[in-house]
């Protein structure tokens, strides 16, 4: 007897690969972030003025923006994967996808605004 309820995986290979790639990028960017912010900084921690000065370098803004983007993408795709493991209905998946995109977009815009705001203080 076949069951009418069968689990379906709604995560395609492209989203899985993007999540995997973002995880690898996070590792690389985290190493750079850790070295600059905790090993090179005097006392192991940058002051606010040090951060403002550090953000005057356009390369740093790009790197921190990439770090923000990869963390958001990896975290939200991971959260989506966990939710999909619960085998929700198509309607729930529709709301989940839009909710995660909305939250991710707002978090991204806020993070980029914050990077620009801090860099303009110098």
PDB file of N, CA and C in Angstrom:
ATOM      1  N   UNK A   1       0.837  -1.181   0.000  1.00  0.00           N
ATOM      2  CA  UNK A   1       0.000   0.000   0.000  1.00  0.00           C
ATOM      3  C   UNK A   1       0.879   1.240   0.000  1.00  0.00           C
ATOM      4  N   UNK A   2       0.615   2.128  -0.901  1.00  0.00           N
ATOM      5  CA  UNK A   2       1.405   3.350  -0.986  1.00  0.00           C
ATOM      6  C   UNK A   2       0.760   4.445  -0.147  1.00  0.00           C
ATOM      7  N   UNK A   3       1.626   5.228   0.455  1.00  0.00           N
ATOM      8  CA  UNK A   3       1.142   6.358   1.253  1.00  0.00           C
ATOM      9  C   UNK A   3       0.906   7.549   0.336  1.00  0.00           C
ATOM     10  N   UNK A   4      -0.163   8.270   0.593  1.00  0.00           N
ATOM     11  CA  UNK A   4      -0.445   9.449  -0.222  1.00  0.00           C
ATOM     12  C   UNK A   4       0.408  10.639   0.214  1.00  0.00           C
ATOM     13  N   UNK A   5       1.070  10.480   1.348  1.00  0.00           N
ATOM     14  CA  UNK A   5       1.943  11.553   1.828  1.00  0.00           C
ATOM     15  C   UNK A   5       3.382  11.150   1.539  1.00  0.00           C
ATOM     16  N   UNK A   6       4.025  11.911   0.691  1.00  0.00           N
ATOM     17  CA  UNK A   6       5.420  11.624   0.383  1.00  0.00           C
ATOM     18  C   UNK A   6       6.228  12.909   0.532  1.00  0.00           C
ATOM     19  N   UNK A   7       7.355  12.811   1.224  1.00  0.00           N
ATOM     20  CA  UNK A   7       8.164  14.005   1.401  1.00  0.00           C
ATOM     21  C   UNK A   7       8.735  14.471   0.068  1.00  0.00           C
ATOM     22  N   UNK A   8       8.769  15.764  -0.097  1.00  0.00           N
ATOM     23  CA  UNK A   8       9.305  16.352  -1.315  1.00  0.00           C
ATOM     24  C   UNK A   8      10.372  17.356  -0.928  1.00  0.00           C
ATOM     25  N   UNK A   9      11.451  17.306  -1.661  1.00  0.00           N
ATOM     26  CA  UNK A   9      12.525  18.248  -1.418  1.00  0.00           C
ATOM     27  C   UNK A   9      12.349  19.426  -2.362  1.00  0.00           C
ATOM     28  N   UNK A  10      12.133  20.616  -1.812  1.00  0.00           N
ATOM     29  CA  UNK A  10      11.903  21.802  -2.624  1.00  0.00           C
ATOM     30  C   UNK A  10      13.178  22.627  -2.801  1.00  0.00           C
ATOM     31  N   UNK A  11      14.306  22.084  -2.366  1.00  0.00           N
ATOM     32  CA  UNK A  11      15.569  22.796  -2.530  1.00  0.00           C
ATOM     33  C   UNK A  11      16.280  22.215  -3.743  1.00  0.00           C
ATOM     34  N   UNK A  12      16.494  23.056  -4.746  1.00  0.00           N
ATOM     35  CA  UNK A  12      17.164  22.548  -5.939  1.00  0.00           C
ATOM     36  C   UNK A  12      18.677  22.604  -5.770  1.00  0.00           C
ATOM     37  N   UNK A  13      19.382  22.016  -6.716  1.00  0.00           N
ATOM     38  CA  UNK A  13      20.838  21.906  -6.635  1.00  0.00           C
ATOM     39  C   UNK A  13      21.511  23.277  -6.662  1.00  0.00           C
ATOM     40  N   UNK A  14      20.949  24.234  -7.381  1.00  0.00           N
ATOM     41  CA  UNK A  14      21.551  25.565  -7.451  1.00  0.00           C
ATOM     42  C   UNK A  14      21.540  26.240  -6.082  1.00  0.00           C
ATOM     43  N   UNK A  15      20.409  26.183  -5.377  1.00  0.00           N
ATOM     44  CA  UNK A  15      20.346  26.785  -4.048  1.00  0.00           C
ATOM     45  C   UNK A  15      21.288  26.078  -3.078  1.00  0.00           C
ATOM     46  N   UNK A  16      21.389  24.769  -3.201  1.00  0.00           N
ATOM     47  CA  UNK A  16      22.310  24.018  -2.355  1.00  0.00           C
ATOM     48  C   UNK A  16      23.751  24.445  -2.627  1.00  0.00           C
ATOM     49  N   UNK A  17      24.107  24.605  -3.904  1.00  0.00           N
ATOM     50  CA  UNK A  17      25.460  25.016  -4.268  1.00  0.00           C
ATOM     51  C   UNK A  17      25.753  26.436  -3.792  1.00  0.00           C
ATOM     52  N   UNK A  18      24.780  27.340  -3.912  1.00  0.00           N
ATOM     53  CA  UNK A  18      24.958  28.716  -3.427  1.00  0.00           C
ATOM     54  C   UNK A  18      25.201  28.711  -1.922  1.00  0.00           C
ATOM     55  N   UNK A  19      24.452  27.894  -1.194  1.00  0.00           N
ATOM     56  CA  UNK A  19      24.640  27.786   0.258  1.00  0.00           C
ATOM     57  C   UNK A  19      26.033  27.256   0.576  1.00  0.00           C
ATOM     58  N   UNK A  20      26.481  26.267  -0.164  1.00  0.00           N
ATOM     59  CA  UNK A  20      27.809  25.691   0.026  1.00  0.00           C
ATOM     60  C   UNK A  20      28.895  26.726  -0.284  1.00  0.00           C
ATOM     61  N   UNK A  21      28.756  27.422  -1.386  1.00  0.00           N
ATOM     62  CA  UNK A  21      29.716  28.450  -1.778  1.00  0.00           C
ATOM     63  C   UNK A  21      29.760  29.579  -0.747  1.00  0.00           C
ATOM     64  N   UNK A  22      28.594  30.006  -0.279  1.00  0.00           N
ATOM     65  CA  UNK A  22      28.535  31.065   0.732  1.00  0.00           C
ATOM     66  C   UNK A  22      29.223  30.621   2.015  1.00  0.00           C
ATOM     67  N   UNK A  23      29.057  29.374   2.392  1.00  0.00           N
ATOM     68  CA  UNK A  23      29.730  28.860   3.588  1.00  0.00           C
ATOM     69  C   UNK A  23      31.236  28.924   3.453  1.00  0.00           C
ATOM     70  N   UNK A  24      31.753  28.576   2.290  1.00  0.00           N
ATOM     71  CA  UNK A  24      33.197  28.663   2.044  1.00  0.00           C
ATOM     72  C   UNK A  24      33.694  30.097   2.065  1.00  0.00           C
ATOM     73  N   UNK A  25      32.940  30.986   1.443  1.00  0.00           N
ATOM     74  CA  UNK A  25      33.317  32.409   1.444  1.00  0.00           C
ATOM     75  C   UNK A  25      33.283  32.989   2.854  1.00  0.00           C
ATOM     76  N   UNK A  26      32.297  32.573   3.642  1.00  0.00           N
ATOM     77  CA  UNK A  26      32.215  33.042   5.029  1.00  0.00           C
ATOM     78  C   UNK A  26      33.484  32.668   5.772  1.00  0.00           C
ATOM     79  N   UNK A  27      33.951  31.445   5.571  1.00  0.00           N
ATOM     80  CA  UNK A  27      35.157  31.008   6.263  1.00  0.00           C
ATOM     81  C   UNK A  27      36.342  31.904   5.911  1.00  0.00           C
ATOM     82  N   UNK A  28      36.551  32.162   4.614  1.00  0.00           N
ATOM     83  CA  UNK A  28      37.659  33.014   4.182  1.00  0.00           C
ATOM     84  C   UNK A  28      37.543  34.437   4.695  1.00  0.00           C
ATOM     85  N   UNK A  29      36.359  35.010   4.579  1.00  0.00           N
ATOM     86  CA  UNK A  29      36.153  36.384   5.042  1.00  0.00           C
ATOM     87  C   UNK A  29      36.230  36.479   6.557  1.00  0.00           C
ATOM     88  N   UNK A  30      35.800  35.437   7.248  1.00  0.00           N
ATOM     89  CA  UNK A  30      35.881  35.429   8.704  1.00  0.00           C
ATOM     90  C   UNK A  30      37.329  35.405   9.176  1.00  0.00           C
ATOM     91  N   UNK A  31      38.166  34.669   8.473  1.00  0.00           N
ATOM     92  CA  UNK A  31      39.593  34.635   8.822  1.00  0.00           C
ATOM     93  C   UNK A  31      40.198  36.036   8.675  1.00  0.00           C
ATOM     94  N   UNK A  32      39.925  36.702   7.554  1.00  0.00           N
ATOM     95  CA  UNK A  32      40.438  38.064   7.351  1.00  0.00           C
ATOM     96  C   UNK A  32      39.872  39.002   8.410  1.00  0.00           C
ATOM     97  N   UNK A  33      38.579  38.918   8.657  1.00  0.00           N
ATOM     98  CA  UNK A  33      37.921  39.767   9.660  1.00  0.00           C
ATOM     99  C   UNK A  33      38.557  39.549  11.033  1.00  0.00           C
ATOM    100  N   UNK A  34      38.777  38.303  11.399  1.00  0.00           N
ATOM    101  CA  UNK A  34      39.355  37.983  12.707  1.00  0.00           C
ATOM    102  C   UNK A  34      40.783  38.513  12.822  1.00  0.00           C
ATOM    103  N   UNK A  35      41.589  38.318  11.786  1.00  0.00           N
ATOM    104  CA  UNK A  35      42.981  38.786  11.824  1.00  0.00           C
ATOM    105  C   UNK A  35      43.037  40.298  11.980  1.00  0.00           C
ATOM    106  N   UNK A  36      42.277  41.013  11.173  1.00  0.00           N
ATOM    107  CA  UNK A  36      42.324  42.480  11.203  1.00  0.00           C
ATOM    108  C   UNK A  36      41.747  43.028  12.504  1.00  0.00           C
ATOM    109  N   UNK A  37      40.613  42.493  12.926  1.00  0.00           N
ATOM    110  CA  UNK A  37      39.928  43.072  14.081  1.00  0.00           C
ATOM    111  C   UNK A  37      40.431  42.588  15.430  1.00  0.00           C
ATOM    112  N   UNK A  38      41.121  41.441  15.474  1.00  0.00           N
ATOM    113  CA  UNK A  38      41.483  40.893  16.776  1.00  0.00           C
ATOM    114  C   UNK A  38      42.965  40.560  16.933  1.00  0.00           C
ATOM    115  N   UNK A  39      43.682  40.375  15.840  1.00  0.00           N
ATOM    116  CA  UNK A  39      45.098  40.051  15.970  1.00  0.00           C
ATOM    117  C   UNK A  39      45.998  41.256  15.686  1.00  0.00           C
ATOM    118  N   UNK A  40      45.636  42.060  14.704  1.00  0.00           N
ATOM    119  CA  UNK A  40      46.441  43.234  14.360  1.00  0.00           C
ATOM    120  C   UNK A  40      46.108  44.405  15.273  1.00  0.00           C
ATOM    121  N   UNK A  41      44.865  44.505  15.688  1.00  0.00           N
ATOM    122  CA  UNK A  41      44.428  45.630  16.534  1.00  0.00           C
ATOM    123  C   UNK A  41      45.165  45.625  17.870  1.00  0.00           C
ATOM    124  N   UNK A  42      45.593  46.822  18.329  1.00  0.00           N
ATOM    125  CA  UNK A  42      46.249  46.892  19.638  1.00  0.00           C
ATOM    126  C   UNK A  42      45.272  46.484  20.743  1.00  0.00           C
ATOM    127  N   UNK A  43      45.704  45.582  21.596  1.00  0.00           N
ATOM    128  CA  UNK A  43      44.838  45.117  22.679  1.00  0.00           C
ATOM    129  C   UNK A  43      43.809  44.102  22.221  1.00  0.00           C
ATOM    130  N   UNK A  44      43.806  43.736  20.936  1.00  0.00           N
ATOM    131  CA  UNK A  44      42.897  42.729  20.428  1.00  0.00           C
ATOM    132  C   UNK A  44      41.512  43.215  20.062  1.00  0.00           C
ATOM    133  N   UNK A  45      41.280  44.525  20.151  1.00  0.00           N
ATOM    134  CA  UNK A  45      39.955  45.045  19.834  1.00  0.00           C
ATOM    135  C   UNK A  45      40.087  46.466  19.281  1.00  0.00           C
ATOM    136  N   UNK A  46      39.357  46.746  18.216  1.00  0.00           N
ATOM    137  CA  UNK A  46      39.374  48.086  17.631  1.00  0.00           C
ATOM    138  C   UNK A  46      38.426  48.999  18.405  1.00  0.00           C
ATOM    139  N   UNK A  47      38.843  50.238  18.605  1.00  0.00           N
ATOM    140  CA  UNK A  47      37.940  51.227  19.187  1.00  0.00           C
ATOM    141  C   UNK A  47      37.014  51.738  18.096  1.00  0.00           C
ATOM    142  N   UNK A  48      35.998  52.507  18.479  1.00  0.00           N
ATOM    143  CA  UNK A  48      35.070  53.058  17.485  1.00  0.00           C
ATOM    144  C   UNK A  48      35.818  53.926  16.482  1.00  0.00           C
ATOM    145  N   UNK A  49      36.734  54.757  16.970  1.00  0.00           N
ATOM    146  CA  UNK A  49      37.505  55.617  16.071  1.00  0.00           C
ATOM    147  C   UNK A  49      38.379  54.794  15.124  1.00  0.00           C
ATOM    148  N   UNK A  50      38.918  53.678  15.623  1.00  0.00           N
ATOM    149  CA  UNK A  50      39.694  52.779  14.767  1.00  0.00           C
ATOM    150  C   UNK A  50      38.812  52.180  13.670  1.00  0.00           C
ATOM    151  N   UNK A  51      37.596  51.815  14.021  1.00  0.00           N
ATOM    152  CA  UNK A  51      36.665  51.242  13.043  1.00  0.00           C
ATOM    153  C   UNK A  51      36.319  52.268  11.971  1.00  0.00           C
ATOM    154  N   UNK A  52      36.042  53.510  12.393  1.00  0.00           N
ATOM    155  CA  UNK A  52      35.726  54.569  11.429  1.00  0.00           C
ATOM    156  C   UNK A  52      36.907  54.774  10.493  1.00  0.00           C
ATOM    157  N   UNK A  53      38.109  54.812  11.034  1.00  0.00           N
ATOM    158  CA  UNK A  53      39.314  54.977  10.212  1.00  0.00           C
ATOM    159  C   UNK A  53      39.503  53.781   9.280  1.00  0.00           C
ATOM    160  N   UNK A  54      39.265  52.588   9.790  1.00  0.00           N
ATOM    161  CA  UNK A  54      39.390  51.350   9.022  1.00  0.00           C
ATOM    162  C   UNK A  54      38.404  51.339   7.847  1.00  0.00           C
ATOM    163  N   UNK A  55      37.219  51.864   8.062  1.00  0.00           N
ATOM    164  CA  UNK A  55      36.195  51.888   7.021  1.00  0.00           C
ATOM    165  C   UNK A  55      36.426  52.964   5.965  1.00  0.00           C
ATOM    166  N   UNK A  56      37.473  53.740   6.086  1.00  0.00           N
ATOM    167  CA  UNK A  56      37.792  54.729   5.059  1.00  0.00           C
ATOM    168  C   UNK A  56      38.389  54.066   3.819  1.00  0.00           C
ATOM    169  N   UNK A  57      38.856  52.855   3.972  1.00  0.00           N
ATOM    170  CA  UNK A  57      39.424  52.104   2.860  1.00  0.00           C
ATOM    171  C   UNK A  57      38.276  51.469   2.060  1.00  0.00           C
ATOM    172  N   UNK A  58      38.144  51.795   0.773  1.00  0.00           N
ATOM    173  CA  UNK A  58      37.038  51.228  -0.023  1.00  0.00           C
ATOM    174  C   UNK A  58      37.084  49.701  -0.106  1.00  0.00           C
ATOM    175  N   UNK A  59      38.283  49.123  -0.075  1.00  0.00           N
ATOM    176  CA  UNK A  59      38.400  47.663  -0.113  1.00  0.00           C
ATOM    177  C   UNK A  59      37.737  47.037   1.122  1.00  0.00           C
ATOM    178  N   UNK A  60      37.889  47.702   2.257  1.00  0.00           N
ATOM    179  CA  UNK A  60      37.292  47.195   3.500  1.00  0.00           C
ATOM    180  C   UNK A  60      35.770  47.220   3.402  1.00  0.00           C
ATOM    181  N   UNK A  61      35.224  48.298   2.845  1.00  0.00           N
ATOM    182  CA  UNK A  61      33.766  48.381   2.680  1.00  0.00           C
ATOM    183  C   UNK A  61      33.258  47.253   1.778  1.00  0.00           C
ATOM    184  N   UNK A  62      33.980  46.988   0.708  1.00  0.00           N
ATOM    185  CA  UNK A  62      33.582  45.911  -0.206  1.00  0.00           C
ATOM    186  C   UNK A  62      33.673  44.561   0.512  1.00  0.00           C
ATOM    187  N   UNK A  63      34.777  44.356   1.252  1.00  0.00           N
ATOM    188  CA  UNK A  63      34.951  43.097   1.964  1.00  0.00           C
ATOM    189  C   UNK A  63      33.863  42.897   3.023  1.00  0.00           C
ATOM    190  N   UNK A  64      33.583  43.921   3.807  1.00  0.00           N
ATOM    191  CA  UNK A  64      32.554  43.802   4.848  1.00  0.00           C
ATOM    192  C   UNK A  64      31.164  43.644   4.228  1.00  0.00           C
ATOM    193  N   UNK A  65      30.915  44.305   3.092  1.00  0.00           N
ATOM    194  CA  UNK A  65      29.650  44.131   2.386  1.00  0.00           C
ATOM    195  C   UNK A  65      29.492  42.714   1.861  1.00  0.00           C
ATOM    196  N   UNK A  66      30.581  42.138   1.358  1.00  0.00           N
ATOM    197  CA  UNK A  66      30.554  40.740   0.908  1.00  0.00           C
ATOM    198  C   UNK A  66      30.341  39.793   2.082  1.00  0.00           C
ATOM    199  N   UNK A  67      30.975  40.104   3.208  1.00  0.00           N
ATOM    200  CA  UNK A  67      30.802  39.296   4.420  1.00  0.00           C
ATOM    201  C   UNK A  67      29.334  39.314   4.847  1.00  0.00           C
ATOM    202  N   UNK A  68      28.745  40.497   4.878  1.00  0.00           N
ATOM    203  CA  UNK A  68      27.327  40.635   5.225  1.00  0.00           C
ATOM    204  C   UNK A  68      26.460  39.820   4.269  1.00  0.00           C
ATOM    205  N   UNK A  69      26.717  39.950   2.974  1.00  0.00           N
ATOM    206  CA  UNK A  69      25.911  39.263   1.971  1.00  0.00           C
ATOM    207  C   UNK A  69      26.015  37.748   2.109  1.00  0.00           C
ATOM    208  N   UNK A  70      27.236  37.245   2.251  1.00  0.00           N
ATOM    209  CA  UNK A  70      27.392  35.788   2.330  1.00  0.00           C
ATOM    210  C   UNK A  70      26.794  35.226   3.615  1.00  0.00           C
ATOM    211  N   UNK A  71      26.921  35.949   4.714  1.00  0.00           N
ATOM    212  CA  UNK A  71      26.319  35.473   5.967  1.00  0.00           C
ATOM    213  C   UNK A  71      24.794  35.435   5.836  1.00  0.00           C
ATOM    214  N   UNK A  72      24.215  36.486   5.274  1.00  0.00           N
ATOM    215  CA  UNK A  72      22.758  36.516   5.096  1.00  0.00           C
ATOM    216  C   UNK A  72      22.283  35.386   4.186  1.00  0.00           C
ATOM    217  N   UNK A  73      22.935  35.231   3.046  1.00  0.00           N
ATOM    218  CA  UNK A  73      22.519  34.197   2.086  1.00  0.00           C
ATOM    219  C   UNK A  73      22.634  32.814   2.719  1.00  0.00           C
ATOM    220  N   UNK A  74      23.767  32.537   3.340  1.00  0.00           N
ATOM    221  CA  UNK A  74      23.985  31.216   3.941  1.00  0.00           C
ATOM    222  C   UNK A  74      22.981  30.945   5.075  1.00  0.00           C
ATOM    223  N   UNK A  75      22.784  31.932   5.929  1.00  0.00           N
ATOM    224  CA  UNK A  75      21.876  31.750   7.069  1.00  0.00           C
ATOM    225  C   UNK A  75      20.434  31.565   6.623  1.00  0.00           C
ATOM    226  N   UNK A  76      19.983  32.391   5.681  1.00  0.00           N
ATOM    227  CA  UNK A  76      18.589  32.305   5.259  1.00  0.00           C
ATOM    228  C   UNK A  76      18.314  31.055   4.429  1.00  0.00           C
ATOM    229  N   UNK A  77      19.268  30.650   3.594  1.00  0.00           N
ATOM    230  CA  UNK A  77      19.083  29.389   2.856  1.00  0.00           C
ATOM    231  C   UNK A  77      19.117  28.198   3.816  1.00  0.00           C
ATOM    232  N   UNK A  78      19.953  28.284   4.847  1.00  0.00           N
ATOM    233  CA  UNK A  78      19.984  27.223   5.850  1.00  0.00           C
ATOM    234  C   UNK A  78      18.680  27.142   6.616  1.00  0.00           C
ATOM    235  N   UNK A  79      18.150  28.287   6.998  1.00  0.00           N
ATOM    236  CA  UNK A  79      16.862  28.327   7.694  1.00  0.00           C
ATOM    237  C   UNK A  79      15.750  27.771   6.804  1.00  0.00           C
ATOM    238  N   UNK A  80      15.800  28.114   5.518  1.00  0.00           N
ATOM    239  CA  UNK A  80      14.815  27.594   4.571  1.00  0.00           C
ATOM    240  C   UNK A  80      14.924  26.077   4.462  1.00  0.00           C
ATOM    241  N   UNK A  81      16.153  25.560   4.423  1.00  0.00           N
ATOM    242  CA  UNK A  81      16.346  24.105   4.337  1.00  0.00           C
ATOM    243  C   UNK A  81      15.774  23.391   5.557  1.00  0.00           C
ATOM    244  N   UNK A  82      15.991  23.976   6.731  1.00  0.00           N
ATOM    245  CA  UNK A  82      15.444  23.384   7.948  1.00  0.00           C
ATOM    246  C   UNK A  82      13.917  23.365   7.889  1.00  0.00           C
ATOM    247  N   UNK A  83      13.336  24.476   7.443  1.00  0.00           N
ATOM    248  CA  UNK A  83      11.876  24.540   7.336  1.00  0.00           C
ATOM    249  C   UNK A  83      11.357  23.533   6.311  1.00  0.00           C
ATOM    250  N   UNK A  84      12.078  23.350   5.201  1.00  0.00           N
ATOM    251  CA  UNK A  84      11.639  22.402   4.171  1.00  0.00           C
ATOM    252  C   UNK A  84      11.713  20.958   4.668  1.00  0.00           C
ATOM    253  N   UNK A  85      12.598  20.688   5.623  1.00  0.00           N
ATOM    254  CA  UNK A  85      12.668  19.341   6.206  1.00  0.00           C
ATOM    255  C   UNK A  85      11.378  18.973   6.935  1.00  0.00           C
ATOM    256  N   UNK A  86      10.603  19.968   7.323  1.00  0.00           N
ATOM    257  CA  UNK A  86       9.327  19.720   7.999  1.00  0.00           C
ATOM    258  C   UNK A  86       8.198  19.408   7.020  1.00  0.00           C
ATOM    259  N   UNK A  87       8.515  19.428   5.721  1.00  0.00           N
ATOM    260  CA  UNK A  87       7.565  19.123   4.652  1.00  0.00           C
ATOM    261  C   UNK A  87       6.300  19.984   4.720  1.00  0.00           C
ATOM    262  N   UNK A  88       6.474  21.317   4.651  1.00  0.00           N
ATOM    263  CA  UNK A  88       5.299  22.193   4.721  1.00  0.00           C
ATOM    264  C   UNK A  88       4.487  22.154   3.425  1.00  0.00           C
ATOM    265  N   UNK A  89       3.298  22.683   3.501  1.00  0.00           N
ATOM    266  CA  UNK A  89       2.438  22.746   2.315  1.00  0.00           C
ATOM    267  C   UNK A  89       2.994  23.779   1.333  1.00  0.00           C
ATOM    268  N   UNK A  90       2.595  23.687   0.069  1.00  0.00           N
ATOM    269  CA  UNK A  90       3.060  24.659  -0.924  1.00  0.00           C
ATOM    270  C   UNK A  90       2.730  26.106  -0.531  1.00  0.00           C
ATOM    271  N   UNK A  91       1.594  26.298   0.107  1.00  0.00           N
ATOM    272  CA  UNK A  91       1.213  27.647   0.535  1.00  0.00           C
ATOM    273  C   UNK A  91       2.193  28.179   1.596  1.00  0.00           C
ATOM    274  N   UNK A  92       2.573  27.320   2.543  1.00  0.00           N
ATOM    275  CA  UNK A  92       3.540  27.707   3.577  1.00  0.00           C
ATOM    276  C   UNK A  92       4.899  28.001   2.932  1.00  0.00           C
ATOM    277  N   UNK A  93       5.300  27.180   1.973  1.00  0.00           N
ATOM    278  CA  UNK A  93       6.573  27.406   1.277  1.00  0.00           C
ATOM    279  C   UNK A  93       6.551  28.760   0.563  1.00  0.00           C
ATOM    280  N   UNK A  94       5.421  29.092  -0.052  1.00  0.00           N
ATOM    281  CA  UNK A  94       5.282  30.377  -0.744  1.00  0.00           C
ATOM    282  C   UNK A  94       5.505  31.524   0.245  1.00  0.00           C
ATOM    283  N   UNK A  95       4.835  31.477   1.395  1.00  0.00           N
ATOM    284  CA  UNK A  95       5.007  32.527   2.408  1.00  0.00           C
ATOM    285  C   UNK A  95       6.418  32.516   2.989  1.00  0.00           C
ATOM    286  N   UNK A  96       6.961  31.341   3.207  1.00  0.00           N
ATOM    287  CA  UNK A  96       8.311  31.223   3.740  1.00  0.00           C
ATOM    288  C   UNK A  96       9.324  31.871   2.802  1.00  0.00           C
ATOM    289  N   UNK A  97       9.243  31.546   1.524  1.00  0.00           N
ATOM    290  CA  UNK A  97      10.178  32.113   0.552  1.00  0.00           C
ATOM    291  C   UNK A  97      10.097  33.639   0.522  1.00  0.00           C
ATOM    292  N   UNK A  98       8.898  34.170   0.471  1.00  0.00           N
ATOM    293  CA  UNK A  98       8.741  35.622   0.412  1.00  0.00           C
ATOM    294  C   UNK A  98       9.163  36.300   1.718  1.00  0.00           C
ATOM    295  N   UNK A  99       8.858  35.646   2.834  1.00  0.00           N
ATOM    296  CA  UNK A  99       9.259  36.200   4.123  1.00  0.00           C
ATOM    297  C   UNK A  99      10.771  36.254   4.280  1.00  0.00           C
ATOM    298  N   UNK A 100      11.447  35.181   3.860  1.00  0.00           N
ATOM    299  CA  UNK A 100      12.903  35.160   3.951  1.00  0.00           C
ATOM    300  C   UNK A 100      13.542  36.168   2.997  1.00  0.00           C
ATOM    301  N   UNK A 101      12.992  36.299   1.805  1.00  0.00           N
ATOM    302  CA  UNK A 101      13.513  37.292   0.858  1.00  0.00           C
ATOM    303  C   UNK A 101      13.296  38.706   1.407  1.00  0.00           C
ATOM    304  N   UNK A 102      12.133  38.965   1.975  1.00  0.00           N
ATOM    305  CA  UNK A 102      11.857  40.280   2.543  1.00  0.00           C
ATOM    306  C   UNK A 102      12.795  40.575   3.713  1.00  0.00           C
ATOM    307  N   UNK A 103      12.918  39.623   4.641  1.00  0.00           N
ATOM    308  CA  UNK A 103      13.807  39.823   5.784  1.00  0.00           C
ATOM    309  C   UNK A 103      15.252  40.011   5.329  1.00  0.00           C
ATOM    310  N   UNK A 104      15.703  39.171   4.408  1.00  0.00           N
ATOM    311  CA  UNK A 104      17.073  39.271   3.903  1.00  0.00           C
ATOM    312  C   UNK A 104      17.328  40.590   3.206  1.00  0.00           C
ATOM    313  N   UNK A 105      16.351  41.056   2.433  1.00  0.00           N
ATOM    314  CA  UNK A 105      16.503  42.337   1.735  1.00  0.00           C
ATOM    315  C   UNK A 105      16.591  43.489   2.723  1.00  0.00           C
ATOM    316  N   UNK A 106      15.724  43.485   3.727  1.00  0.00           N
ATOM    317  CA  UNK A 106      15.762  44.546   4.739  1.00  0.00           C
ATOM    318  C   UNK A 106      17.070  44.516   5.529  1.00  0.00           C
ATOM    319  N   UNK A 107      17.524  43.322   5.902  1.00  0.00           N
ATOM    320  CA  UNK A 107      18.783  43.199   6.644  1.00  0.00           C
ATOM    321  C   UNK A 107      19.961  43.663   5.783  1.00  0.00           C
ATOM    322  N   UNK A 108      19.945  43.333   4.504  1.00  0.00           N
ATOM    323  CA  UNK A 108      21.006  43.751   3.592  1.00  0.00           C
ATOM    324  C   UNK A 108      21.039  45.270   3.452  1.00  0.00           C
ATOM    325  N   UNK A 109      19.878  45.865   3.215  1.00  0.00           N
ATOM    326  CA  UNK A 109      19.807  47.326   3.056  1.00  0.00           C
ATOM    327  C   UNK A 109      20.272  48.015   4.337  1.00  0.00           C
ATOM    328  N   UNK A 110      19.829  47.525   5.485  1.00  0.00           N
ATOM    329  CA  UNK A 110      20.253  48.110   6.756  1.00  0.00           C
ATOM    330  C   UNK A 110      21.766  47.963   6.948  1.00  0.00           C
ATOM    331  N   UNK A 111      22.308  46.795   6.644  1.00  0.00           N
ATOM    332  CA  UNK A 111      23.745  46.570   6.806  1.00  0.00           C
ATOM    333  C   UNK A 111      24.575  47.460   5.901  1.00  0.00           C
ATOM    334  N   UNK A 112      24.168  47.596   4.644  1.00  0.00           N
ATOM    335  CA  UNK A 112      24.897  48.467   3.714  1.00  0.00           C
ATOM    336  C   UNK A 112      24.765  49.918   4.147  1.00  0.00           C
ATOM    337  N   UNK A 113      23.563  50.322   4.579  1.00  0.00           N
ATOM    338  CA  UNK A 113      23.379  51.688   5.087  1.00  0.00           C
ATOM    339  C   UNK A 113      24.314  51.942   6.272  1.00  0.00           C
ATOM    340  N   UNK A 114      24.426  50.976   7.164  1.00  0.00           N
ATOM    341  CA  UNK A 114      25.290  51.116   8.332  1.00  0.00           C
ATOM    342  C   UNK A 114      26.755  51.221   7.923  1.00  0.00           C
ATOM    343  N   UNK A 115      27.186  50.419   6.970  1.00  0.00           N
ATOM    344  CA  UNK A 115      28.560  50.520   6.467  1.00  0.00           C
ATOM    345  C   UNK A 115      28.837  51.910   5.905  1.00  0.00           C
ATOM    346  N   UNK A 116      27.917  52.417   5.102  1.00  0.00           N
ATOM    347  CA  UNK A 116      28.081  53.738   4.502  1.00  0.00           C
ATOM    348  C   UNK A 116      28.064  54.822   5.583  1.00  0.00           C
ATOM    349  N   UNK A 117      27.163  54.700   6.545  1.00  0.00           N
ATOM    350  CA  UNK A 117      27.038  55.683   7.613  1.00  0.00           C
ATOM    351  C   UNK A 117      28.323  55.759   8.440  1.00  0.00           C
ATOM    352  N   UNK A 118      28.851  54.609   8.827  1.00  0.00           N
ATOM    353  CA  UNK A 118      30.074  54.587   9.637  1.00  0.00           C
ATOM    354  C   UNK A 118      31.256  55.121   8.825  1.00  0.00           C
ATOM    355  N   UNK A 119      31.321  54.754   7.548  1.00  0.00           N
ATOM    356  CA  UNK A 119      32.443  55.231   6.736  1.00  0.00           C
ATOM    357  C   UNK A 119      32.383  56.740   6.496  1.00  0.00           C
ATOM    358  N   UNK A 120      31.175  57.317   6.528  1.00  0.00           N
ATOM    359  CA  UNK A 120      31.045  58.762   6.304  1.00  0.00           C
ATOM    360  C   UNK A 120      31.371  59.575   7.559  1.00  0.00           C
ATOM    361  N   UNK A 121      31.592  58.925   8.679  1.00  0.00           N
ATOM    362  CA  UNK A 121      31.921  59.645   9.925  1.00  0.00           C
ATOM    363  C   UNK A 121      33.382  60.074   9.984  1.00  0.00           C
ATOM    364  N   UNK A 122      34.198  59.561   9.056  1.00  0.00           N
ATOM    365  CA  UNK A 122      35.630  59.850   9.114  1.00  0.00           C
ATOM    366  C   UNK A 122      36.069  61.043   8.340  1.00  0.00           C
TER     367      UNK A 122
END
